Amino acid sequence: MSLPSLQLEGLKAAAFWDGDNIKLTFIGEIDLENPAEVLDPFLQEVHQKASSKTAEVAVNLKELKFMNLIKQI
């Protein structure tokens, strides 16, 4: 079962199987006005795949330099 990846200007996010577990890595910057527009569908797909195999998800943010958390209304 393949896992999603996400590539935007300045950002790479990828999910990989490690046995029954998933490793999720973010590299770069998430400098979007509303990051949820892009991240929510990506993370929902990772969650769905993890739930189907009762997997644990380990998230690596070591190479994430910046993330805008402000949601514009």
N, C-alpha and C. Protein backbone atom coordinates (compact mmCIF):
# COMPACT_ATOMS: atom_id res chain seq x y z
N MET A 1 0.85 -1.17 0.00
CA MET A 1 0.00 0.00 0.00
C MET A 1 0.90 1.24 0.00
N SER A 2 0.77 2.06 -1.01
CA SER A 2 1.64 3.23 -1.12
C SER A 2 1.18 4.34 -0.18
N LEU A 3 2.13 5.17 0.20
CA LEU A 3 1.86 6.29 1.09
C LEU A 3 2.06 7.60 0.34
N PRO A 4 1.38 8.65 0.76
CA PRO A 4 1.46 9.92 0.04
C PRO A 4 2.77 10.66 0.30
N SER A 5 3.06 11.57 -0.59
CA SER A 5 4.14 12.53 -0.38
C SER A 5 3.61 13.89 -0.81
N LEU A 6 4.30 14.92 -0.40
CA LEU A 6 3.87 16.28 -0.67
C LEU A 6 5.11 17.09 -1.01
N GLN A 7 5.05 17.82 -2.11
CA GLN A 7 6.18 18.67 -2.47
C GLN A 7 5.65 20.01 -2.94
N LEU A 8 6.06 21.05 -2.24
CA LEU A 8 5.70 22.42 -2.57
C LEU A 8 6.99 23.22 -2.64
N GLU A 9 6.88 24.45 -3.05
CA GLU A 9 8.08 25.30 -3.07
C GLU A 9 8.62 25.42 -1.65
N GLY A 10 9.80 24.92 -1.43
CA GLY A 10 10.44 25.01 -0.12
C GLY A 10 10.06 23.93 0.87
N LEU A 11 9.21 22.98 0.49
CA LEU A 11 8.78 21.94 1.42
C LEU A 11 8.72 20.58 0.76
N LYS A 12 9.20 19.58 1.47
CA LYS A 12 9.02 18.18 1.11
C LYS A 12 8.48 17.46 2.33
N ALA A 13 7.45 16.68 2.12
CA ALA A 13 6.92 15.83 3.19
C ALA A 13 6.69 14.46 2.57
N ALA A 14 7.15 13.44 3.26
CA ALA A 14 7.02 12.09 2.73
C ALA A 14 6.75 11.12 3.86
N ALA A 15 5.96 10.11 3.53
CA ALA A 15 5.65 9.04 4.48
C ALA A 15 6.20 7.73 3.91
N PHE A 16 6.80 6.93 4.79
CA PHE A 16 7.40 5.66 4.40
C PHE A 16 6.98 4.57 5.37
N TRP A 17 6.75 3.37 4.84
CA TRP A 17 6.47 2.22 5.70
C TRP A 17 7.77 1.75 6.34
N ASP A 18 7.70 1.40 7.59
CA ASP A 18 8.79 0.77 8.33
C ASP A 18 8.15 -0.39 9.08
N GLY A 19 8.04 -1.53 8.38
CA GLY A 19 7.26 -2.65 8.92
C GLY A 19 5.79 -2.27 8.89
N ASP A 20 5.12 -2.38 10.04
CA ASP A 20 3.71 -1.96 10.14
C ASP A 20 3.58 -0.51 10.58
N ASN A 21 4.69 0.17 10.77
CA ASN A 21 4.68 1.56 11.22
C ASN A 21 4.98 2.50 10.06
N ILE A 22 4.69 3.77 10.28
CA ILE A 22 4.94 4.79 9.26
C ILE A 22 5.90 5.82 9.82
N LYS A 23 6.87 6.20 9.01
CA LYS A 23 7.76 7.31 9.34
C LYS A 23 7.37 8.47 8.43
N LEU A 24 7.11 9.62 9.03
CA LEU A 24 6.67 10.81 8.31
C LEU A 24 7.72 11.89 8.53
N THR A 25 8.26 12.43 7.44
CA THR A 25 9.34 13.41 7.51
C THR A 25 8.95 14.70 6.81
N PHE A 26 9.23 15.81 7.46
CA PHE A 26 9.03 17.14 6.87
C PHE A 26 10.39 17.81 6.73
N ILE A 27 10.66 18.37 5.54
CA ILE A 27 11.92 19.04 5.27
C ILE A 27 11.62 20.39 4.64
N GLY A 28 12.19 21.46 5.19
CA GLY A 28 12.04 22.79 4.60
C GLY A 28 11.16 23.70 5.43
N GLU A 29 10.30 24.46 4.76
CA GLU A 29 9.45 25.45 5.40
C GLU A 29 8.01 25.31 4.95
N ILE A 30 7.09 25.50 5.88
CA ILE A 30 5.66 25.55 5.55
C ILE A 30 5.24 27.00 5.79
N ASP A 31 5.40 27.80 4.76
CA ASP A 31 5.15 29.23 4.87
C ASP A 31 3.94 29.60 4.02
N LEU A 32 2.83 28.96 4.31
CA LEU A 32 1.59 29.21 3.57
C LEU A 32 0.65 30.04 4.42
N GLU A 33 -0.20 30.80 3.78
CA GLU A 33 -1.16 31.61 4.52
C GLU A 33 -2.08 30.72 5.36
N ASN A 34 -2.50 29.60 4.78
CA ASN A 34 -3.35 28.65 5.49
C ASN A 34 -2.81 27.24 5.26
N PRO A 35 -1.84 26.80 6.08
CA PRO A 35 -1.21 25.50 5.88
C PRO A 35 -2.20 24.33 5.90
N ALA A 36 -3.31 24.50 6.59
CA ALA A 36 -4.29 23.41 6.70
C ALA A 36 -4.86 23.01 5.35
N GLU A 37 -4.95 23.94 4.42
CA GLU A 37 -5.48 23.63 3.09
C GLU A 37 -4.68 22.53 2.41
N VAL A 38 -3.39 22.51 2.64
CA VAL A 38 -2.50 21.54 2.01
C VAL A 38 -2.22 20.36 2.95
N LEU A 39 -1.98 20.66 4.21
CA LEU A 39 -1.58 19.62 5.16
C LEU A 39 -2.72 18.69 5.56
N ASP A 40 -3.92 19.23 5.72
CA ASP A 40 -5.04 18.38 6.17
C ASP A 40 -5.29 17.19 5.25
N PRO A 41 -5.42 17.38 3.93
CA PRO A 41 -5.65 16.21 3.07
C PRO A 41 -4.48 15.21 3.12
N PHE A 42 -3.26 15.73 3.15
CA PHE A 42 -2.07 14.88 3.22
C PHE A 42 -2.07 14.06 4.50
N LEU A 43 -2.28 14.71 5.64
CA LEU A 43 -2.26 14.01 6.93
C LEU A 43 -3.46 13.08 7.08
N GLN A 44 -4.59 13.44 6.53
CA GLN A 44 -5.75 12.55 6.58
C GLN A 44 -5.48 11.26 5.81
N GLU A 45 -4.79 11.36 4.67
CA GLU A 45 -4.46 10.15 3.91
C GLU A 45 -3.47 9.27 4.68
N VAL A 46 -2.46 9.90 5.31
CA VAL A 46 -1.52 9.14 6.13
C VAL A 46 -2.27 8.45 7.27
N HIS A 47 -3.16 9.17 7.92
CA HIS A 47 -3.94 8.60 9.02
C HIS A 47 -4.79 7.42 8.56
N GLN A 48 -5.43 7.57 7.42
CA GLN A 48 -6.26 6.48 6.88
C GLN A 48 -5.43 5.23 6.63
N LYS A 49 -4.25 5.40 6.02
CA LYS A 49 -3.39 4.24 5.74
C LYS A 49 -2.89 3.62 7.04
N ALA A 50 -2.55 4.47 8.01
CA ALA A 50 -2.07 3.96 9.30
C ALA A 50 -3.18 3.20 10.01
N SER A 51 -4.38 3.72 9.96
CA SER A 51 -5.51 3.07 10.64
C SER A 51 -5.85 1.72 10.04
N SER A 52 -5.64 1.58 8.74
CA SER A 52 -5.96 0.32 8.09
C SER A 52 -5.01 -0.80 8.48
N LYS A 53 -3.83 -0.46 8.97
CA LYS A 53 -2.85 -1.47 9.40
C LYS A 53 -2.53 -1.34 10.88
N THR A 54 -3.33 -0.57 11.63
CA THR A 54 -3.08 -0.27 13.04
C THR A 54 -1.62 0.09 13.27
N ALA A 55 -1.13 0.98 12.46
CA ALA A 55 0.27 1.40 12.52
C ALA A 55 0.48 2.54 13.50
N GLU A 56 1.71 2.64 13.94
CA GLU A 56 2.18 3.79 14.72
C GLU A 56 2.82 4.75 13.73
N VAL A 57 2.63 6.04 13.93
CA VAL A 57 3.23 7.03 13.04
C VAL A 57 4.26 7.83 13.82
N ALA A 58 5.49 7.82 13.35
CA ALA A 58 6.57 8.62 13.95
C ALA A 58 6.82 9.81 13.03
N VAL A 59 6.75 11.02 13.58
CA VAL A 59 6.91 12.24 12.78
C VAL A 59 8.27 12.86 13.08
N ASN A 60 9.05 13.09 12.02
CA ASN A 60 10.37 13.69 12.13
C ASN A 60 10.28 15.14 11.65
N LEU A 61 10.47 16.07 12.58
CA LEU A 61 10.44 17.51 12.25
C LEU A 61 11.82 18.15 12.34
N LYS A 62 12.86 17.34 12.45
CA LYS A 62 14.22 17.86 12.65
C LYS A 62 14.65 18.82 11.54
N GLU A 63 14.20 18.57 10.31
CA GLU A 63 14.63 19.41 9.19
C GLU A 63 13.54 20.40 8.76
N LEU A 64 12.50 20.55 9.58
CA LEU A 64 11.47 21.56 9.31
C LEU A 64 11.95 22.86 9.95
N LYS A 65 12.24 23.85 9.12
CA LYS A 65 12.83 25.09 9.60
C LYS A 65 11.79 26.10 10.09
N PHE A 66 10.59 26.06 9.50
CA PHE A 66 9.55 27.04 9.86
C PHE A 66 8.20 26.47 9.49
N MET A 67 7.19 26.79 10.32
CA MET A 67 5.83 26.40 9.99
C MET A 67 4.88 27.49 10.46
N ASN A 68 4.13 28.04 9.54
CA ASN A 68 3.13 29.05 9.85
C ASN A 68 1.93 28.32 10.44
N LEU A 69 1.57 28.64 11.68
CA LEU A 69 0.45 27.98 12.34
C LEU A 69 -0.80 28.84 12.39
N ILE A 70 -0.73 30.04 11.84
CA ILE A 70 -1.86 30.96 11.89
C ILE A 70 -2.82 30.64 10.77
N LYS A 71 -4.05 30.33 11.15
CA LYS A 71 -5.08 30.06 10.16
C LYS A 71 -5.84 31.34 9.90
N GLN A 72 -5.87 31.74 8.65
CA GLN A 72 -6.59 32.94 8.25
C GLN A 72 -8.07 32.63 8.11
N ILE A 73 -8.90 33.50 8.63
CA ILE A 73 -10.35 33.31 8.53
C ILE A 73 -10.91 34.26 7.50
